[in-house]
Protein backbone atom coordinates (compact mmCIF):
# COMPACT_ATOMS: atom_id res chain seq x y z
CA MET A 1 -23.61 35.46 39.68
CA ARG A 2 -25.44 34.71 36.45
CA TRP A 3 -22.78 36.62 34.52
CA ASN A 4 -19.98 34.47 36.06
CA TRP A 5 -21.69 31.19 35.00
CA GLY A 6 -21.96 32.51 31.44
CA ILE A 7 -18.23 33.23 31.31
CA LEU A 8 -17.40 29.89 32.93
CA ARG A 9 -19.67 28.01 30.50
CA SER A 10 -18.05 29.79 27.52
CA ALA A 11 -14.58 28.98 28.83
CA VAL A 12 -15.48 25.28 29.25
CA VAL A 13 -16.92 25.10 25.72
CA LEU A 14 -13.80 26.77 24.26
CA MET A 15 -11.49 24.41 26.18
CA ALA A 16 -13.46 21.36 25.00
CA ALA A 17 -13.29 22.56 21.40
CA ALA A 18 -9.55 23.21 21.71
CA LEU A 19 -8.97 19.70 23.10
CA GLN A 20 -10.93 18.19 20.21
CA VAL A 21 -8.86 20.06 17.64
CA THR A 22 -5.52 19.12 19.22
CA ALA A 23 -6.63 15.50 19.66
CA CYS A 24 -6.97 15.18 15.88
CA GLY A 25 -3.20 15.21 15.46
CA VAL A 26 -2.29 12.94 18.38
CA ASN A 27 -2.43 9.63 16.44
CA ASP A 28 -1.71 11.00 12.97
CA VAL A 29 1.57 9.85 11.45
CA VAL A 30 3.40 12.19 9.12
CA CYS A 31 5.26 10.17 6.50
CA PRO A 32 8.19 11.38 4.39
CA ALA A 33 7.99 11.43 0.61
CA VAL A 34 8.68 8.07 -1.03
CA GLY A 35 12.39 7.87 -1.74
CA TRP A 36 13.39 4.22 -1.78
CA VAL A 37 13.82 1.46 -4.32
CA THR A 38 13.31 -2.21 -3.59
CA THR A 39 15.33 -4.69 -5.64
CA ILE A 40 15.63 -8.43 -6.02
CA THR A 41 19.12 -9.80 -6.72
CA VAL A 42 19.63 -12.91 -8.85
CA ARG A 43 23.08 -14.48 -8.68
CA LEU A 44 24.01 -17.08 -11.30
CA GLU A 45 26.50 -19.83 -10.48
CA GLY A 46 28.11 -22.26 -12.88
CA ASP A 47 28.85 -21.99 -16.60
CA LEU A 48 27.92 -18.45 -17.70
CA THR A 49 29.24 -18.62 -21.28
CA ALA A 50 25.84 -19.07 -22.97
CA VAL A 51 23.87 -16.66 -20.75
CA ASN A 52 22.36 -13.73 -22.63
CA ASP A 53 19.34 -12.71 -20.60
CA VAL A 54 17.76 -13.24 -17.19
CA GLN A 55 14.07 -12.60 -16.57
CA LEU A 56 12.06 -12.54 -13.37
CA CYS A 57 8.37 -13.45 -13.73
CA THR A 58 5.18 -13.46 -11.66
CA PRO A 59 1.61 -14.17 -12.83
CA GLU A 60 1.36 -10.40 -13.49
CA GLY A 61 4.18 -10.46 -16.05
CA CYS A 62 7.91 -10.68 -16.62
CA SER A 63 10.75 -8.20 -16.28
CA VAL A 64 11.90 -5.90 -19.03
CA THR A 65 15.54 -4.97 -19.43
CA ASN A 66 16.42 -1.39 -18.56
CA PRO A 67 17.10 0.21 -21.97
CA THR A 68 19.59 2.62 -20.40
CA SER A 69 21.92 -0.04 -19.02
CA PRO A 70 25.00 -0.12 -21.29
CA GLN A 71 25.04 -3.91 -21.66
CA ASN A 72 21.48 -3.96 -22.97
CA ALA A 73 21.00 -0.67 -24.78
CA SER A 74 19.22 -1.08 -28.08
CA PRO A 75 16.49 0.90 -29.85
CA LYS A 76 14.38 -2.27 -29.97
CA SER A 77 14.20 -2.53 -26.16
CA ALA A 78 13.31 1.14 -25.73
CA VAL A 79 10.56 1.55 -28.35
CA PRO A 80 7.47 -0.63 -28.83
CA SER A 81 7.64 -2.48 -32.15
CA SER A 82 3.92 -2.26 -32.91
CA ALA A 83 0.70 -0.64 -31.75
CA ASP A 84 -0.18 -3.87 -29.91
CA ASP A 85 2.95 -3.60 -27.74
CA ARG A 86 1.82 -0.20 -26.42
CA SER A 87 -1.30 -1.73 -24.85
CA LEU A 88 0.62 -4.22 -22.71
CA ALA A 89 0.52 -3.80 -18.94
CA PRO A 90 3.65 -2.33 -17.36
CA SER A 91 6.24 -4.83 -16.24
CA PRO A 92 6.40 -5.66 -12.52
CA PHE A 93 10.24 -5.51 -12.68
CA ILE A 94 12.98 -3.58 -14.47
CA ALA A 95 16.11 -5.69 -15.01
CA SER A 96 19.70 -4.51 -15.14
CA LYS A 97 22.88 -6.55 -15.35
CA ALA A 98 25.14 -5.59 -12.43
CA SER A 99 28.02 -7.95 -13.24
CA ILE A 100 28.76 -11.06 -15.27
CA ASN A 101 26.79 -13.25 -12.84
CA THR A 102 24.49 -10.79 -11.02
CA TRP A 103 21.23 -9.23 -12.19
CA LEU A 104 19.21 -6.66 -10.26
CA PHE A 105 15.44 -6.39 -10.61
CA THR A 106 13.77 -3.18 -9.45
CA VAL A 107 10.27 -3.91 -8.16
CA SER A 108 7.74 -1.50 -9.67
CA GLY A 109 4.60 -2.75 -7.94
CA PRO A 110 3.54 -4.84 -4.97
CA LEU A 111 6.23 -7.08 -3.50
CA PRO A 112 5.81 -10.62 -4.84
CA ASP A 113 5.83 -13.65 -2.55
CA GLU A 114 6.99 -15.94 -5.36
CA VAL A 115 8.88 -15.46 -8.62
CA THR A 116 10.19 -17.63 -11.44
CA THR A 117 13.64 -16.87 -12.85
CA HIS A 118 14.32 -17.67 -16.53
CA VAL A 119 17.86 -17.72 -17.93
CA SER A 120 18.13 -17.77 -21.71
CA ALA A 121 20.78 -17.93 -24.43
CA LYS A 122 21.14 -15.42 -27.26
CA ASP A 123 18.95 -17.56 -29.56
CA GLY A 124 16.19 -17.60 -26.90
CA THR A 125 16.86 -21.17 -25.74
CA LEU A 126 15.98 -21.66 -22.08
CA ILE A 127 19.15 -22.55 -20.15
CA ALA A 128 17.66 -22.73 -16.66
CA GLN A 129 14.48 -21.95 -14.76
CA GLN A 130 13.84 -21.76 -11.02
CA HIS A 131 10.78 -21.02 -8.89
CA SER A 132 11.59 -19.15 -5.65
CA HIS A 133 9.65 -18.12 -2.54
CA LEU A 134 10.73 -14.67 -1.28
CA GLU A 135 11.00 -13.70 2.40
CA TRP A 136 10.78 -9.91 2.78
CA THR A 137 12.28 -7.91 5.67
CA ARG A 138 11.86 -4.18 6.28
CA VAL A 139 15.23 -2.41 6.08
CA GLY A 140 13.99 1.19 6.10
CA GLY A 141 10.96 3.28 6.95
CA SER A 142 8.18 2.03 9.22
CA GLU A 143 5.09 -0.15 9.19
CA GLN A 144 2.84 2.94 9.12
CA CYS A 145 4.66 4.77 6.32
CA GLY A 146 6.19 1.93 4.34
CA GLY A 147 9.83 1.79 3.39
CA GLN A 148 12.50 -0.20 1.68
CA MET A 149 12.25 -3.97 1.90
CA ALA A 150 14.90 -6.62 1.21
CA THR A 151 14.94 -10.32 0.43
CA PRO A 152 17.96 -12.65 0.30
CA PRO A 153 19.41 -13.06 -3.20
CA ILE A 154 18.09 -15.77 -5.48
CA ILE A 155 20.94 -18.17 -6.23
CA LEU A 156 20.43 -20.08 -9.48
CA GLN A 157 22.80 -22.94 -10.31
CA LEU A 158 23.29 -23.24 -14.08
CA PRO A 159 23.71 -26.65 -15.69
CA VAL A 160 27.15 -27.74 -16.86
CA ARG A 161 27.43 -27.32 -20.63
CA GLN A 162 28.48 -30.34 -22.60
CA PRO A 163 31.44 -29.66 -24.91
CA ALA A 164 30.56 -29.59 -28.59
CA THR A 165 31.60 -32.69 -30.46
CA GLY A 166 32.59 -32.33 -34.01
């Protein structure tokens, strides 16, 4: 009889250990590799003739223009101009011009709740500026693993240009 209790006790201990090991994976979530990009769309309305650049800014910094986009390719935008430029923090957004009135900003950090959009002319003159609150919605992935988020486009109405008098 003593021998039977020893076997039974060993079996119970092994079963308890097996349950503990399998219980470790019950609540674990296996997430796929990150494979999404979150963008903010800025749509300009009104007189676009003087528009040269659109920037999106947060307290952490402003967007940089993607040096590989054909409209904005220049050696100056791809290479820092001095040693001081190399020490700057990375931009929270990468900008690319999608069409004559639409700019896309790829978010490269945490999703901002608020942004300021700056529209400037070729000479750097500020044409328009707008502060916007962003409402984010999950459009991919899950709460546990993360995933692509979306926000409605920012619509920025440009002022009407006065004709030059001469």
